C-alpha atoms as a PDB file:
ATOM      1  CA  MET A   1     108.700  67.570  75.653  1.00  0.00           C
ATOM      2  CA  TYR A   2     108.931  71.337  75.069  1.00  0.00           C
ATOM      3  CA  LYS A   3     111.057  73.680  77.153  1.00  0.00           C
ATOM      4  CA  LEU A   4     110.875  76.949  75.220  1.00  0.00           C
ATOM      5  CA  LEU A   5     107.230  76.846  74.168  1.00  0.00           C
ATOM      6  CA  THR A   6     103.925  75.582  75.473  1.00  0.00           C
ATOM      7  CA  LEU A   7     101.320  73.663  73.506  1.00  0.00           C
ATOM      8  CA  THR A   8      97.839  73.388  75.004  1.00  0.00           C
ATOM      9  CA  TYR A   9      94.572  71.997  73.704  1.00  0.00           C
ATOM     10  CA  ASP A  10      90.938  73.006  74.121  1.00  0.00           C
ATOM     11  CA  GLY A  11      88.845  70.664  71.999  1.00  0.00           C
ATOM     12  CA  PRO A  12      89.584  71.393  68.330  1.00  0.00           C
ATOM     13  CA  VAL A  13      91.707  74.455  69.168  1.00  0.00           C
ATOM     14  CA  ALA A  14      95.420  74.310  69.996  1.00  0.00           C
ATOM     15  CA  THR A  15      97.377  77.243  71.426  1.00  0.00           C
ATOM     16  CA  LEU A  16     101.093  77.408  70.652  1.00  0.00           C
ATOM     17  CA  THR A  17     102.912  79.916  72.851  1.00  0.00           C
ATOM     18  CA  LEU A  18     106.523  81.003  72.454  1.00  0.00           C
ATOM     19  CA  ASN A  19     107.808  80.936  76.033  1.00  0.00           C
ATOM     20  CA  ARG A  20     111.108  82.778  76.340  1.00  0.00           C
ATOM     21  CA  PRO A  21     109.744  86.008  77.820  1.00  0.00           C
ATOM     22  CA  GLU A  22     113.071  87.015  79.329  1.00  0.00           C
ATOM     23  CA  VAL A  23     114.499  87.498  75.816  1.00  0.00           C
ATOM     24  CA  HIS A  24     111.255  88.588  74.124  1.00  0.00           C
ATOM     25  CA  ASN A  25     110.819  85.078  72.666  1.00  0.00           C
ATOM     26  CA  ALA A  26     113.861  85.451  70.429  1.00  0.00           C
ATOM     27  CA  PHE A  27     114.852  82.515  68.237  1.00  0.00           C
ATOM     28  CA  ASN A  28     117.673  80.167  69.041  1.00  0.00           C
ATOM     29  CA  VAL A  29     118.472  76.698  67.705  1.00  0.00           C
ATOM     30  CA  GLN A  30     116.353  74.967  70.339  1.00  0.00           C
ATOM     31  CA  LEU A  31     113.263  77.144  69.901  1.00  0.00           C
ATOM     32  CA  ILE A  32     113.376  76.632  66.140  1.00  0.00           C
ATOM     33  CA  ALA A  33     113.622  72.856  66.643  1.00  0.00           C
ATOM     34  CA  GLU A  34     110.745  72.852  69.131  1.00  0.00           C
ATOM     35  CA  LEU A  35     108.540  74.950  66.833  1.00  0.00           C
ATOM     36  CA  HIS A  36     109.217  72.545  63.988  1.00  0.00           C
ATOM     37  CA  ALA A  37     108.374  69.550  66.180  1.00  0.00           C
ATOM     38  CA  ALA A  38     105.211  71.242  67.447  1.00  0.00           C
ATOM     39  CA  CYS A  39     104.032  71.955  63.899  1.00  0.00           C
ATOM     40  CA  GLU A  40     104.555  68.310  62.986  1.00  0.00           C
ATOM     41  CA  GLU A  41     102.597  67.261  66.085  1.00  0.00           C
ATOM     42  CA  LEU A  42      99.744  69.594  65.183  1.00  0.00           C
ATOM     43  CA  ALA A  43      99.634  68.369  61.583  1.00  0.00           C
ATOM     44  CA  ARG A  44      99.220  64.766  62.764  1.00  0.00           C
ATOM     45  CA  ASP A  45      96.238  65.504  65.038  1.00  0.00           C
ATOM     46  CA  ALA A  46      93.068  64.918  63.015  1.00  0.00           C
ATOM     47  CA  SER A  47      90.877  66.305  65.824  1.00  0.00           C
ATOM     48  CA  LEU A  48      92.282  69.825  65.497  1.00  0.00           C
ATOM     49  CA  ARG A  49      90.848  72.631  63.396  1.00  0.00           C
ATOM     50  CA  VAL A  50      92.467  75.873  64.568  1.00  0.00           C
ATOM     51  CA  VAL A  51      95.852  76.862  65.976  1.00  0.00           C
ATOM     52  CA  VAL A  52      96.460  80.103  67.874  1.00  0.00           C
ATOM     53  CA  LEU A  53     100.083  81.286  67.852  1.00  0.00           C
ATOM     54  CA  ASN A  54     101.175  83.831  70.460  1.00  0.00           C
ATOM     55  CA  GLY A  55     104.091  84.860  72.664  1.00  0.00           C
ATOM     56  CA  ALA A  56     104.496  85.015  76.439  1.00  0.00           C
ATOM     57  CA  GLY A  57     105.713  88.180  78.148  1.00  0.00           C
ATOM     58  CA  PRO A  58     106.157  91.660  76.697  1.00  0.00           C
ATOM     59  CA  SER A  59     106.653  90.711  73.015  1.00  0.00           C
ATOM     60  CA  PHE A  60     105.511  88.256  70.383  1.00  0.00           C
ATOM     61  CA  CYS A  61     108.996  87.551  68.978  1.00  0.00           C
ATOM     62  CA  ALA A  62     112.037  89.804  68.760  1.00  0.00           C
ATOM     63  CA  GLY A  63     113.826  87.851  66.038  1.00  0.00           C
ATOM     64  CA  ALA A  64     117.211  86.234  66.586  1.00  0.00           C
ATOM     65  CA  ASP A  65     118.640  85.673  70.049  1.00  0.00           C
ATOM     66  CA  ILE A  66     121.851  87.654  70.629  1.00  0.00           C
ATOM     67  CA  ASN A  67     123.693  84.570  71.917  1.00  0.00           C
ATOM     68  CA  TRP A  68     122.692  82.640  68.805  1.00  0.00           C
ATOM     69  CA  MET A  69     124.037  85.492  66.668  1.00  0.00           C
ATOM     70  CA  ARG A  70     127.270  85.496  68.689  1.00  0.00           C
ATOM     71  CA  GLU A  71     127.697  81.748  68.151  1.00  0.00           C
ATOM     72  CA  SER A  72     127.082  82.114  64.413  1.00  0.00           C
ATOM     73  CA  LEU A  73     130.201  84.269  64.074  1.00  0.00           C
ATOM     74  CA  ALA A  74     132.212  81.069  64.294  1.00  0.00           C
ATOM     75  CA  TYR A  75     130.035  79.020  61.916  1.00  0.00           C
ATOM     76  CA  SER A  76     131.569  77.709  58.717  1.00  0.00           C
ATOM     77  CA  HIS A  77     129.748  78.164  55.420  1.00  0.00           C
ATOM     78  CA  GLU A  78     128.426  74.609  55.673  1.00  0.00           C
ATOM     79  CA  GLU A  79     127.221  75.178  59.241  1.00  0.00           C
ATOM     80  CA  ASN A  80     125.445  78.340  58.141  1.00  0.00           C
ATOM     81  CA  LEU A  81     123.734  76.428  55.340  1.00  0.00           C
ATOM     82  CA  ALA A  82     122.488  73.829  57.812  1.00  0.00           C
ATOM     83  CA  ASP A  83     121.395  76.493  60.293  1.00  0.00           C
ATOM     84  CA  ALA A  84     119.410  78.397  57.660  1.00  0.00           C
ATOM     85  CA  GLY A  85     117.915  75.148  56.406  1.00  0.00           C
ATOM     86  CA  ARG A  86     116.552  74.340  59.859  1.00  0.00           C
ATOM     87  CA  LEU A  87     114.873  77.756  60.081  1.00  0.00           C
ATOM     88  CA  ASP A  88     113.314  77.355  56.642  1.00  0.00           C
ATOM     89  CA  ALA A  89     112.080  73.848  57.463  1.00  0.00           C
ATOM     90  CA  MET A  90     110.332  75.177  60.571  1.00  0.00           C
ATOM     91  CA  LEU A  91     108.699  78.041  58.683  1.00  0.00           C
ATOM     92  CA  ASP A  92     107.612  75.683  55.904  1.00  0.00           C
ATOM     93  CA  ALA A  93     106.042  73.325  58.462  1.00  0.00           C
ATOM     94  CA  LEU A  94     104.043  76.223  59.906  1.00  0.00           C
ATOM     95  CA  ASP A  95     103.145  77.627  56.489  1.00  0.00           C
ATOM     96  CA  SER A  96     101.877  74.271  55.225  1.00  0.00           C
ATOM     97  CA  LEU A  97      99.786  73.277  58.265  1.00  0.00           C
ATOM     98  CA  PRO A  98      96.384  72.018  57.036  1.00  0.00           C
ATOM     99  CA  LEU A  99      94.736  73.946  59.889  1.00  0.00           C
ATOM    100  CA  ALA A 100      93.644  77.548  60.230  1.00  0.00           C
ATOM    101  CA  VAL A 101      96.421  79.436  62.047  1.00  0.00           C
ATOM    102  CA  VAL A 102      95.635  82.659  63.900  1.00  0.00           C
ATOM    103  CA  ALA A 103      98.477  84.824  65.208  1.00  0.00           C
ATOM    104  CA  SER A 104      97.922  87.008  68.272  1.00  0.00           C
ATOM    105  CA  VAL A 105     100.617  89.689  68.235  1.00  0.00           C
ATOM    106  CA  HIS A 106     101.702  92.237  70.806  1.00  0.00           C
ATOM    107  CA  GLY A 107     104.774  94.206  71.811  1.00  0.00           C
ATOM    108  CA  ALA A 108     107.146  93.567  68.942  1.00  0.00           C
ATOM    109  CA  ALA A 109     107.551  91.245  65.974  1.00  0.00           C
ATOM    110  CA  LEU A 110     110.970  91.669  64.393  1.00  0.00           C
ATOM    111  CA  GLY A 111     112.901  89.747  61.748  1.00  0.00           C
ATOM    112  CA  GLY A 112     112.080  86.085  62.184  1.00  0.00           C
ATOM    113  CA  GLY A 113     109.053  87.075  64.236  1.00  0.00           C
ATOM    114  CA  VAL A 114     107.583  88.678  61.120  1.00  0.00           C
ATOM    115  CA  GLY A 115     108.510  85.507  59.282  1.00  0.00           C
ATOM    116  CA  LEU A 116     106.247  83.578  61.654  1.00  0.00           C
ATOM    117  CA  LEU A 117     103.382  86.004  61.036  1.00  0.00           C
ATOM    118  CA  SER A 118     103.819  85.592  57.293  1.00  0.00           C
ATOM    119  CA  CYS A 119     103.112  81.876  57.667  1.00  0.00           C
ATOM    120  CA  CYS A 120      99.810  82.460  59.499  1.00  0.00           C
ATOM    121  CA  ASP A 121      96.374  82.764  57.927  1.00  0.00           C
ATOM    122  CA  VAL A 122      94.908  85.502  60.128  1.00  0.00           C
ATOM    123  CA  VAL A 123      97.022  87.972  62.118  1.00  0.00           C
ATOM    124  CA  ILE A 124      95.511  90.180  64.810  1.00  0.00           C
ATOM    125  CA  ALA A 125      97.750  92.771  66.451  1.00  0.00           C
ATOM    126  CA  ALA A 126      97.426  94.856  69.581  1.00  0.00           C
ATOM    127  CA  GLU A 127      97.691  98.607  69.125  1.00  0.00           C
ATOM    128  CA  GLY A 128     101.250  99.767  69.732  1.00  0.00           C
ATOM    129  CA  THR A 129     102.906  96.634  68.324  1.00  0.00           C
ATOM    130  CA  LYS A 130     106.118  97.368  66.426  1.00  0.00           C
ATOM    131  CA  PHE A 131     107.384  95.473  63.394  1.00  0.00           C
ATOM    132  CA  GLY A 132     110.593  95.531  61.406  1.00  0.00           C
ATOM    133  CA  PHE A 133     113.248  93.796  59.335  1.00  0.00           C
ATOM    134  CA  THR A 134     116.345  95.100  61.100  1.00  0.00           C
ATOM    135  CA  GLU A 135     118.827  92.597  59.666  1.00  0.00           C
ATOM    136  CA  VAL A 136     120.358  95.098  57.208  1.00  0.00           C
ATOM    137  CA  ARG A 137     121.508  97.263  60.112  1.00  0.00           C
ATOM    138  CA  LEU A 138     123.719  94.355  61.169  1.00  0.00           C
ATOM    139  CA  GLY A 139     125.072  93.869  57.664  1.00  0.00           C
ATOM    140  CA  LEU A 140     122.759  90.881  57.187  1.00  0.00           C
ATOM    141  CA  LEU A 141     119.531  90.298  55.283  1.00  0.00           C
ATOM    142  CA  PRO A 142     116.117  88.689  55.923  1.00  0.00           C
ATOM    143  CA  ALA A 143     116.929  85.917  53.494  1.00  0.00           C
ATOM    144  CA  VAL A 144     115.168  82.811  54.790  1.00  0.00           C
ATOM    145  CA  ILE A 145     111.980  84.580  55.842  1.00  0.00           C
ATOM    146  CA  ALA A 146     111.766  86.371  52.470  1.00  0.00           C
ATOM    147  CA  ARG A 147     110.228  83.274  50.904  1.00  0.00           C
ATOM    148  CA  TYR A 148     107.197  83.802  53.153  1.00  0.00           C
ATOM    149  CA  VAL A 149     107.244  87.572  53.676  1.00  0.00           C
ATOM    150  CA  VAL A 150     107.392  88.714  50.045  1.00  0.00           C
ATOM    151  CA  PRO A 151     104.209  86.858  48.976  1.00  0.00           C
ATOM    152  CA  LYS A 152     102.509  88.292  52.065  1.00  0.00           C
ATOM    153  CA  ILE A 153     103.336  91.995  51.669  1.00  0.00           C
ATOM    154  CA  GLY A 154     104.436  92.234  48.019  1.00  0.00           C
ATOM    155  CA  ALA A 155     107.759  93.030  46.395  1.00  0.00           C
ATOM    156  CA  SER A 156     107.468  96.831  46.606  1.00  0.00           C
ATOM    157  CA  GLN A 157     106.884  96.939  50.358  1.00  0.00           C
ATOM    158  CA  ALA A 158     109.480  94.224  50.953  1.00  0.00           C
ATOM    159  CA  ARG A 159     112.143  96.157  49.069  1.00  0.00           C
ATOM    160  CA  ALA A 160     111.472  99.354  51.000  1.00  0.00           C
ATOM    161  CA  LEU A 161     111.367  97.661  54.401  1.00  0.00           C
ATOM    162  CA  PHE A 162     114.232  95.232  53.804  1.00  0.00           C
ATOM    163  CA  VAL A 163     116.728  97.862  52.645  1.00  0.00           C
ATOM    164  CA  THR A 164     115.892 100.537  55.247  1.00  0.00           C
ATOM    165  CA  GLY A 165     115.582  98.246  58.252  1.00  0.00           C
ATOM    166  CA  GLN A 166     113.094 100.723  59.680  1.00  0.00           C
ATOM    167  CA  ARG A 167     110.544  99.731  62.277  1.00  0.00           C
ATOM    168  CA  PHE A 168     106.905 100.354  61.484  1.00  0.00           C
ATOM    169  CA  ASP A 169     103.618 100.460  63.345  1.00  0.00           C
ATOM    170  CA  THR A 170     100.319  98.613  63.170  1.00  0.00           C
ATOM    171  CA  ALA A 171      98.817 101.130  60.737  1.00  0.00           C
ATOM    172  CA  ARG A 172     101.433 100.308  58.105  1.00  0.00           C
ATOM    173  CA  ALA A 173     101.327  96.596  58.949  1.00  0.00           C
ATOM    174  CA  LEU A 174      97.582  96.666  58.291  1.00  0.00           C
ATOM    175  CA  ALA A 175      97.959  98.688  55.102  1.00  0.00           C
ATOM    176  CA  ILE A 176     100.491  96.289  53.563  1.00  0.00           C
ATOM    177  CA  GLY A 177      98.579  93.142  54.496  1.00  0.00           C
ATOM    178  CA  LEU A 178     100.947  91.838  57.153  1.00  0.00           C
ATOM    179  CA  VAL A 179      98.170  91.957  59.746  1.00  0.00           C
ATOM    180  CA  HIS A 180      94.431  91.695  59.232  1.00  0.00           C
ATOM    181  CA  GLY A 181      93.095  93.414  62.323  1.00  0.00           C
ATOM    182  CA  VAL A 182      94.312  95.886  64.951  1.00  0.00           C
ATOM    183  CA  VAL A 183      92.606  96.169  68.326  1.00  0.00           C
ATOM    184  CA  PRO A 184      93.335  97.737  71.733  1.00  0.00           C
ATOM    185  CA  ALA A 185      95.627  95.503  73.770  1.00  0.00           C
ATOM    186  CA  ALA A 186      92.882  94.842  76.307  1.00  0.00           C
ATOM    187  CA  GLU A 187      90.675  93.448  73.531  1.00  0.00           C
ATOM    188  CA  LEU A 188      93.273  91.249  71.807  1.00  0.00           C
ATOM    189  CA  GLU A 189      92.290  87.970  73.458  1.00  0.00           C
ATOM    190  CA  ALA A 190      88.577  88.549  72.849  1.00  0.00           C
ATOM    191  CA  SER A 191      89.197  89.444  69.209  1.00  0.00           C
ATOM    192  CA  VAL A 192      91.225  86.285  68.687  1.00  0.00           C
ATOM    193  CA  SER A 193      88.468  84.237  70.337  1.00  0.00           C
ATOM    194  CA  ARG A 194      85.878  85.707  67.966  1.00  0.00           C
ATOM    195  CA  THR A 195      88.071  84.852  64.988  1.00  0.00           C
ATOM    196  CA  VAL A 196      88.487  81.285  66.231  1.00  0.00           C
ATOM    197  CA  ALA A 197      84.707  80.970  66.615  1.00  0.00           C
ATOM    198  CA  GLU A 198      84.245  82.118  63.023  1.00  0.00           C
ATOM    199  CA  LEU A 199      86.776  79.580  61.785  1.00  0.00           C
ATOM    200  CA  LEU A 200      85.036  76.759  63.636  1.00  0.00           C
ATOM    201  CA  ARG A 201      81.947  77.449  61.529  1.00  0.00           C
ATOM    202  CA  CYS A 202      83.919  76.574  58.389  1.00  0.00           C
ATOM    203  CA  GLY A 203      84.490  73.126  56.961  1.00  0.00           C
ATOM    204  CA  PRO A 204      87.872  71.816  58.166  1.00  0.00           C
ATOM    205  CA  GLN A 205      88.649  70.087  54.868  1.00  0.00           C
ATOM    206  CA  ALA A 206      87.638  73.226  52.992  1.00  0.00           C
ATOM    207  CA  ILE A 207      90.069  75.269  55.105  1.00  0.00           C
ATOM    208  CA  ALA A 208      92.931  72.885  54.354  1.00  0.00           C
ATOM    209  CA  ALA A 209      92.051  72.807  50.662  1.00  0.00           C
ATOM    210  CA  SER A 210      91.748  76.611  50.518  1.00  0.00           C
ATOM    211  CA  LYS A 211      95.246  77.019  51.951  1.00  0.00           C
ATOM    212  CA  ALA A 212      96.624  74.577  49.394  1.00  0.00           C
ATOM    213  CA  LEU A 213      94.691  76.443  46.684  1.00  0.00           C
ATOM    214  CA  VAL A 214      96.366  79.758  47.481  1.00  0.00           C
ATOM    215  CA  ARG A 215      99.805  78.178  47.419  1.00  0.00           C
ATOM    216  CA  ALA A 216      99.086  76.430  44.113  1.00  0.00           C
ATOM    217  CA  VAL A 217      97.716  79.539  42.387  1.00  0.00           C
ATOM    218  CA  CYS A 218     100.749  81.548  43.510  1.00  0.00           C
ATOM    219  CA  THR A 219     103.377  78.997  42.510  1.00  0.00           C
ATOM    220  CA  LEU A 220     102.175  76.805  39.651  1.00  0.00           C
ATOM    221  CA  PRO A 221     102.602  77.694  35.982  1.00  0.00           C
ATOM    222  CA  HIS A 222      99.462  79.064  34.306  1.00  0.00           C
ATOM    223  CA  ASP A 223      98.209  75.862  32.702  1.00  0.00           C
ATOM    224  CA  GLU A 224      98.879  73.765  35.816  1.00  0.00           C
ATOM    225  CA  ALA A 225      97.161  76.331  38.031  1.00  0.00           C
ATOM    226  CA  ARG A 226      94.151  76.355  35.711  1.00  0.00           C
ATOM    227  CA  GLN A 227      93.810  72.583  35.912  1.00  0.00           C
ATOM    228  CA  TYR A 228      94.363  72.647  39.673  1.00  0.00           C
ATOM    229  CA  VAL A 229      91.497  75.061  40.381  1.00  0.00           C
ATOM    230  CA  ILE A 230      89.098  73.189  38.077  1.00  0.00           C
ATOM    231  CA  GLU A 231      89.844  69.886  39.773  1.00  0.00           C
ATOM    232  CA  ALA A 232      89.755  71.488  43.240  1.00  0.00           C
ATOM    233  CA  ILE A 233      86.185  72.771  42.937  1.00  0.00           C
ATOM    234  CA  ALA A 234      84.994  69.518  41.357  1.00  0.00           C
ATOM    235  CA  ALA A 235      86.493  67.549  44.237  1.00  0.00           C
ATOM    236  CA  ALA A 236      84.973  69.900  46.825  1.00  0.00           C
ATOM    237  CA  ARG A 237      81.488  69.719  45.317  1.00  0.00           C
ATOM    238  CA  THR A 238      81.451  65.932  45.176  1.00  0.00           C
ATOM    239  CA  GLY A 239      83.233  65.328  48.483  1.00  0.00           C
ATOM    240  CA  PRO A 240      81.333  64.552  51.713  1.00  0.00           C
ATOM    241  CA  GLU A 241      82.023  67.921  53.319  1.00  0.00           C
ATOM    242  CA  GLY A 242      80.923  69.908  50.282  1.00  0.00           C
ATOM    243  CA  GLN A 243      77.820  67.765  49.904  1.00  0.00           C
ATOM    244  CA  GLU A 244      76.930  68.274  53.554  1.00  0.00           C
ATOM    245  CA  GLY A 245      77.613  72.011  53.452  1.00  0.00           C
ATOM    246  CA  LEU A 246      75.455  72.613  50.390  1.00  0.00           C
ATOM    247  CA  LYS A 247      72.622  70.441  51.714  1.00  0.00           C
ATOM    248  CA  ALA A 248      72.733  72.239  55.071  1.00  0.00           C
ATOM    249  CA  PHE A 249      72.530  75.609  53.338  1.00  0.00           C
ATOM    250  CA  LEU A 250      69.588  74.576  51.173  1.00  0.00           C
ATOM    251  CA  GLU A 251      67.822  72.991  54.140  1.00  0.00           C
ATOM    252  CA  LYS A 252      68.516  76.074  56.313  1.00  0.00           C
ATOM    253  CA  ARG A 253      70.310  74.149  59.050  1.00  0.00           C
ATOM    254  CA  ALA A 254      73.783  74.067  60.535  1.00  0.00           C
ATOM    255  CA  PRO A 255      76.278  71.736  58.822  1.00  0.00           C
ATOM    256  CA  GLY A 256      77.354  68.692  60.763  1.00  0.00           C
ATOM    257  CA  TRP A 257      81.093  69.203  61.129  1.00  0.00           C
ATOM    258  CA  GLY A 258      81.257  69.783  64.863  1.00  0.00           C
ATOM    259  CA  GLU A 259      81.841  72.840  66.996  1.00  0.00           C
ATOM    260  CA  GLY A 260      80.821  76.177  65.584  1.00  0.00           C
ATOM    261  CA  ASN A 261      77.573  74.874  64.057  1.00  0.00           C
END
């Protein structure tokens, strides 16, 4: 089904790999469509709990494919609207997955590649990885990904990085909250595996609800957010997973929600 990515399963863990190594996993129309379809497939699978997102070859994702950019020179305004809409729909599908998403990053993550990272819950980067929003150097702007990047790194950092187009290293990526851990390249896979193991100890419904909680608190008006959080904790406490988790804690045993007990 997929030609530009691979999707593999290991029990409750799925690994989604961008697989265009010859162009550093750069986006084109087909890769965006396949990523969107893969996210929809993952969201439908009730047996899954964690998704690992990575890239084959020397880089995680180098942003837009040069041939795609060349083709866009001839796009009409309406075609550009549709093209941007497809990218946003893919990012929204990734951002709203009810599963824990861990990004494993190496080499480079530029432009749309940083957009992908901004839709993940935990991002672990190999030392030496480079990041950047280089669109402004082409007379363009990181418009579609901004909806996901700005909440991740904040308006101040976004303004500085968007307008300069400068590349930055893992130290700055860690400092601004774009990534959550930096490890030697040789330890990247092991670090990701440890993170996955930690996530498997958590209640799957609680993970999904926690992701929805963050989105609600960041987007809803004050009074609606207040009501949302009150109802969310009440629902969690009375729901089967919350009941099991609290009982397991009080009884000093592992909860019964599968792997990672």
